Amino acid sequence: MVSIEIDDDVYDSLQLPKQERSERLKRELAVSLYLQDMLSFGKARALADMTHHEFQQLLGERQIPRHYGEEELAEDLEYAD
């Protein structure tokens, strides 16, 4: 596992309840990396710690189009099994 260090001052300044910060940061990072085509849907979903359906819904709420290539097709076929 890799850790990312965030200065306490920055972490404490987040406008979120303490118990939501880590989860929310992982989701925001996952969405951002997916949007920039740096992570596939499956890897971004895993980073966000969300189900296939939950991550798809999150992208839809933010009007982020789904990237769909061979890797995503393989992930979808694996998910369908």
N, C-alpha and C. Protein backbone atom coordinates (compact mmCIF):
# COMPACT_ATOMS: atom_id res chain seq x y z
N MET A 1 0.84 -1.17 0.00
CA MET A 1 0.00 0.00 0.00
C MET A 1 0.89 1.24 0.00
N VAL A 2 0.47 2.25 -0.72
CA VAL A 2 1.17 3.52 -0.80
C VAL A 2 0.40 4.55 0.01
N SER A 3 1.13 5.37 0.71
CA SER A 3 0.50 6.43 1.50
C SER A 3 0.83 7.78 0.88
N ILE A 4 -0.11 8.69 0.97
CA ILE A 4 0.11 10.06 0.53
C ILE A 4 0.06 10.94 1.77
N GLU A 5 1.08 11.72 1.97
CA GLU A 5 1.11 12.60 3.12
C GLU A 5 0.44 13.93 2.78
N ILE A 6 -0.46 14.34 3.64
CA ILE A 6 -1.13 15.63 3.50
C ILE A 6 -0.86 16.40 4.78
N ASP A 7 -0.37 17.60 4.64
CA ASP A 7 -0.07 18.43 5.79
C ASP A 7 -1.30 18.54 6.68
N ASP A 8 -1.12 18.40 7.99
CA ASP A 8 -2.23 18.46 8.94
C ASP A 8 -3.06 19.72 8.79
N ASP A 9 -2.39 20.83 8.52
CA ASP A 9 -3.09 22.10 8.37
C ASP A 9 -4.05 22.05 7.18
N VAL A 10 -3.59 21.47 6.09
CA VAL A 10 -4.43 21.34 4.90
C VAL A 10 -5.58 20.37 5.18
N TYR A 11 -5.26 19.24 5.77
CA TYR A 11 -6.28 18.22 6.08
C TYR A 11 -7.34 18.78 7.02
N ASP A 12 -6.91 19.51 8.02
CA ASP A 12 -7.85 20.09 8.99
C ASP A 12 -8.70 21.20 8.40
N SER A 13 -8.24 21.80 7.31
CA SER A 13 -9.00 22.90 6.70
C SER A 13 -10.10 22.40 5.77
N LEU A 14 -10.15 21.11 5.52
CA LEU A 14 -11.22 20.57 4.67
C LEU A 14 -12.58 20.84 5.30
N GLN A 15 -13.50 21.27 4.49
CA GLN A 15 -14.83 21.61 4.97
C GLN A 15 -15.71 20.36 5.01
N LEU A 16 -15.22 19.35 5.70
CA LEU A 16 -15.93 18.07 5.83
C LEU A 16 -15.81 17.57 7.26
N PRO A 17 -16.80 16.83 7.73
CA PRO A 17 -16.65 16.19 9.04
C PRO A 17 -15.44 15.26 9.01
N LYS A 18 -14.73 15.15 10.12
CA LYS A 18 -13.49 14.37 10.18
C LYS A 18 -13.69 12.93 9.70
N GLN A 19 -14.81 12.31 10.04
CA GLN A 19 -15.02 10.91 9.68
C GLN A 19 -15.25 10.72 8.17
N GLU A 20 -15.52 11.78 7.42
CA GLU A 20 -15.74 11.68 5.97
C GLU A 20 -14.52 12.04 5.14
N ARG A 21 -13.52 12.64 5.74
CA ARG A 21 -12.41 13.22 4.97
C ARG A 21 -11.66 12.20 4.13
N SER A 22 -11.21 11.13 4.72
CA SER A 22 -10.40 10.15 3.99
C SER A 22 -11.19 9.54 2.83
N GLU A 23 -12.41 9.13 3.12
CA GLU A 23 -13.27 8.53 2.09
C GLU A 23 -13.53 9.51 0.95
N ARG A 24 -13.83 10.73 1.29
CA ARG A 24 -14.15 11.74 0.28
C ARG A 24 -12.92 12.09 -0.56
N LEU A 25 -11.75 12.18 0.09
CA LEU A 25 -10.53 12.47 -0.66
C LEU A 25 -10.23 11.37 -1.67
N LYS A 26 -10.41 10.11 -1.27
CA LYS A 26 -10.17 9.01 -2.21
C LYS A 26 -11.14 9.08 -3.38
N ARG A 27 -12.39 9.41 -3.12
CA ARG A 27 -13.37 9.53 -4.21
C ARG A 27 -13.00 10.66 -5.15
N GLU A 28 -12.62 11.81 -4.60
CA GLU A 28 -12.27 12.95 -5.44
C GLU A 28 -11.03 12.66 -6.28
N LEU A 29 -10.06 11.99 -5.68
CA LEU A 29 -8.86 11.61 -6.42
C LEU A 29 -9.21 10.63 -7.53
N ALA A 30 -10.04 9.66 -7.22
CA ALA A 30 -10.44 8.66 -8.22
C ALA A 30 -11.17 9.31 -9.39
N VAL A 31 -12.10 10.20 -9.12
CA VAL A 31 -12.84 10.88 -10.18
C VAL A 31 -11.90 11.72 -11.03
N SER A 32 -11.02 12.46 -10.37
CA SER A 32 -10.08 13.32 -11.09
C SER A 32 -9.16 12.51 -12.00
N LEU A 33 -8.61 11.41 -11.47
CA LEU A 33 -7.71 10.58 -12.28
C LEU A 33 -8.45 9.89 -13.42
N TYR A 34 -9.70 9.50 -13.18
CA TYR A 34 -10.50 8.91 -14.25
C TYR A 34 -10.79 9.95 -15.33
N LEU A 35 -11.18 11.14 -14.91
CA LEU A 35 -11.51 12.21 -15.85
C LEU A 35 -10.32 12.55 -16.74
N GLN A 36 -9.11 12.48 -16.18
CA GLN A 36 -7.90 12.77 -16.94
C GLN A 36 -7.39 11.56 -17.71
N ASP A 37 -8.15 10.47 -17.68
CA ASP A 37 -7.81 9.22 -18.37
C ASP A 37 -6.50 8.63 -17.85
N MET A 38 -6.24 8.85 -16.56
CA MET A 38 -5.04 8.30 -15.93
C MET A 38 -5.34 6.97 -15.26
N LEU A 39 -6.62 6.70 -14.98
CA LEU A 39 -7.06 5.43 -14.42
C LEU A 39 -8.25 4.93 -15.20
N SER A 40 -8.33 3.62 -15.35
CA SER A 40 -9.50 3.02 -15.97
C SER A 40 -10.67 3.11 -15.01
N PHE A 41 -11.85 2.82 -15.49
CA PHE A 41 -13.05 2.82 -14.66
C PHE A 41 -12.86 1.88 -13.47
N GLY A 42 -12.40 0.66 -13.74
CA GLY A 42 -12.26 -0.33 -12.68
C GLY A 42 -11.26 0.07 -11.61
N LYS A 43 -10.14 0.63 -12.02
CA LYS A 43 -9.12 1.05 -11.05
C LYS A 43 -9.59 2.28 -10.27
N ALA A 44 -10.25 3.21 -10.95
CA ALA A 44 -10.78 4.39 -10.26
C ALA A 44 -11.87 3.98 -9.28
N ARG A 45 -12.71 3.05 -9.67
CA ARG A 45 -13.76 2.55 -8.80
C ARG A 45 -13.16 1.90 -7.56
N ALA A 46 -12.09 1.14 -7.76
CA ALA A 46 -11.42 0.49 -6.63
C ALA A 46 -10.79 1.53 -5.70
N LEU A 47 -10.16 2.56 -6.27
CA LEU A 47 -9.58 3.62 -5.45
C LEU A 47 -10.66 4.32 -4.64
N ALA A 48 -11.80 4.56 -5.25
CA ALA A 48 -12.91 5.22 -4.56
C ALA A 48 -13.59 4.30 -3.56
N ASP A 49 -13.25 3.02 -3.61
CA ASP A 49 -13.85 2.02 -2.72
C ASP A 49 -15.37 1.99 -2.87
N MET A 50 -15.80 1.96 -4.14
CA MET A 50 -17.22 1.97 -4.46
C MET A 50 -17.53 0.77 -5.35
N THR A 51 -18.80 0.38 -5.36
CA THR A 51 -19.22 -0.67 -6.27
C THR A 51 -19.25 -0.11 -7.68
N HIS A 52 -19.35 -1.01 -8.64
CA HIS A 52 -19.45 -0.63 -10.05
C HIS A 52 -20.60 0.36 -10.24
N HIS A 53 -21.75 0.00 -9.70
CA HIS A 53 -22.96 0.83 -9.85
C HIS A 53 -22.79 2.18 -9.15
N GLU A 54 -22.22 2.19 -7.94
CA GLU A 54 -22.05 3.44 -7.19
C GLU A 54 -21.13 4.41 -7.93
N PHE A 55 -20.02 3.88 -8.48
CA PHE A 55 -19.09 4.77 -9.18
C PHE A 55 -19.70 5.27 -10.48
N GLN A 56 -20.43 4.42 -11.17
CA GLN A 56 -21.12 4.83 -12.40
C GLN A 56 -22.12 5.95 -12.07
N GLN A 57 -22.83 5.80 -10.97
CA GLN A 57 -23.80 6.81 -10.56
C GLN A 57 -23.10 8.13 -10.21
N LEU A 58 -21.97 8.05 -9.51
CA LEU A 58 -21.21 9.24 -9.17
C LEU A 58 -20.76 9.98 -10.42
N LEU A 59 -20.25 9.25 -11.40
CA LEU A 59 -19.85 9.88 -12.66
C LEU A 59 -21.04 10.53 -13.35
N GLY A 60 -22.17 9.85 -13.33
CA GLY A 60 -23.38 10.39 -13.95
C GLY A 60 -23.85 11.67 -13.28
N GLU A 61 -23.81 11.69 -11.95
CA GLU A 61 -24.21 12.89 -11.21
C GLU A 61 -23.34 14.08 -11.56
N ARG A 62 -22.09 13.82 -11.88
CA ARG A 62 -21.15 14.89 -12.23
C ARG A 62 -21.05 15.11 -13.74
N GLN A 63 -21.88 14.41 -14.47
CA GLN A 63 -21.92 14.50 -15.93
C GLN A 63 -20.56 14.25 -16.56
N ILE A 64 -19.89 13.22 -16.06
CA ILE A 64 -18.58 12.81 -16.58
C ILE A 64 -18.83 11.62 -17.50
N PRO A 65 -18.51 11.77 -18.78
CA PRO A 65 -18.76 10.66 -19.71
C PRO A 65 -17.87 9.47 -19.41
N ARG A 66 -18.41 8.31 -19.66
CA ARG A 66 -17.68 7.06 -19.43
C ARG A 66 -16.71 6.81 -20.57
N HIS A 67 -15.46 6.57 -20.24
CA HIS A 67 -14.46 6.17 -21.25
C HIS A 67 -14.69 4.69 -21.47
N TYR A 68 -14.70 4.29 -22.70
CA TYR A 68 -14.99 2.88 -22.93
C TYR A 68 -14.08 2.33 -24.02
N GLY A 69 -13.11 1.55 -23.58
CA GLY A 69 -12.17 0.93 -24.50
C GLY A 69 -12.10 -0.56 -24.21
N GLU A 70 -11.08 -1.21 -24.74
CA GLU A 70 -10.93 -2.65 -24.57
C GLU A 70 -10.78 -3.04 -23.10
N GLU A 71 -10.02 -2.25 -22.34
CA GLU A 71 -9.82 -2.57 -20.93
C GLU A 71 -11.14 -2.49 -20.16
N GLU A 72 -11.93 -1.47 -20.45
CA GLU A 72 -13.22 -1.33 -19.77
C GLU A 72 -14.18 -2.44 -20.18
N LEU A 73 -14.14 -2.84 -21.43
CA LEU A 73 -14.97 -3.95 -21.88
C LEU A 73 -14.61 -5.22 -21.12
N ALA A 74 -13.32 -5.48 -20.99
CA ALA A 74 -12.87 -6.67 -20.25
C ALA A 74 -13.32 -6.61 -18.80
N GLU A 75 -13.22 -5.44 -18.19
CA GLU A 75 -13.67 -5.28 -16.79
C GLU A 75 -15.17 -5.52 -16.68
N ASP A 76 -15.93 -4.98 -17.64
CA ASP A 76 -17.39 -5.17 -17.61
C ASP A 76 -17.75 -6.65 -17.80
N LEU A 77 -17.04 -7.33 -18.69
CA LEU A 77 -17.32 -8.75 -18.89
C LEU A 77 -16.98 -9.55 -17.65
N GLU A 78 -15.87 -9.20 -16.99
CA GLU A 78 -15.50 -9.87 -15.76
C GLU A 78 -16.54 -9.59 -14.67
N TYR A 79 -16.99 -8.37 -14.59
CA TYR A 79 -18.01 -7.98 -13.60
C TYR A 79 -19.32 -8.72 -13.84
N ALA A 80 -19.65 -8.92 -15.11
CA ALA A 80 -20.92 -9.60 -15.45
C ALA A 80 -20.90 -11.08 -15.07
N ASP A 81 -19.70 -11.68 -15.04
CA ASP A 81 -19.60 -13.09 -14.66
C ASP A 81 -19.83 -13.22 -13.21
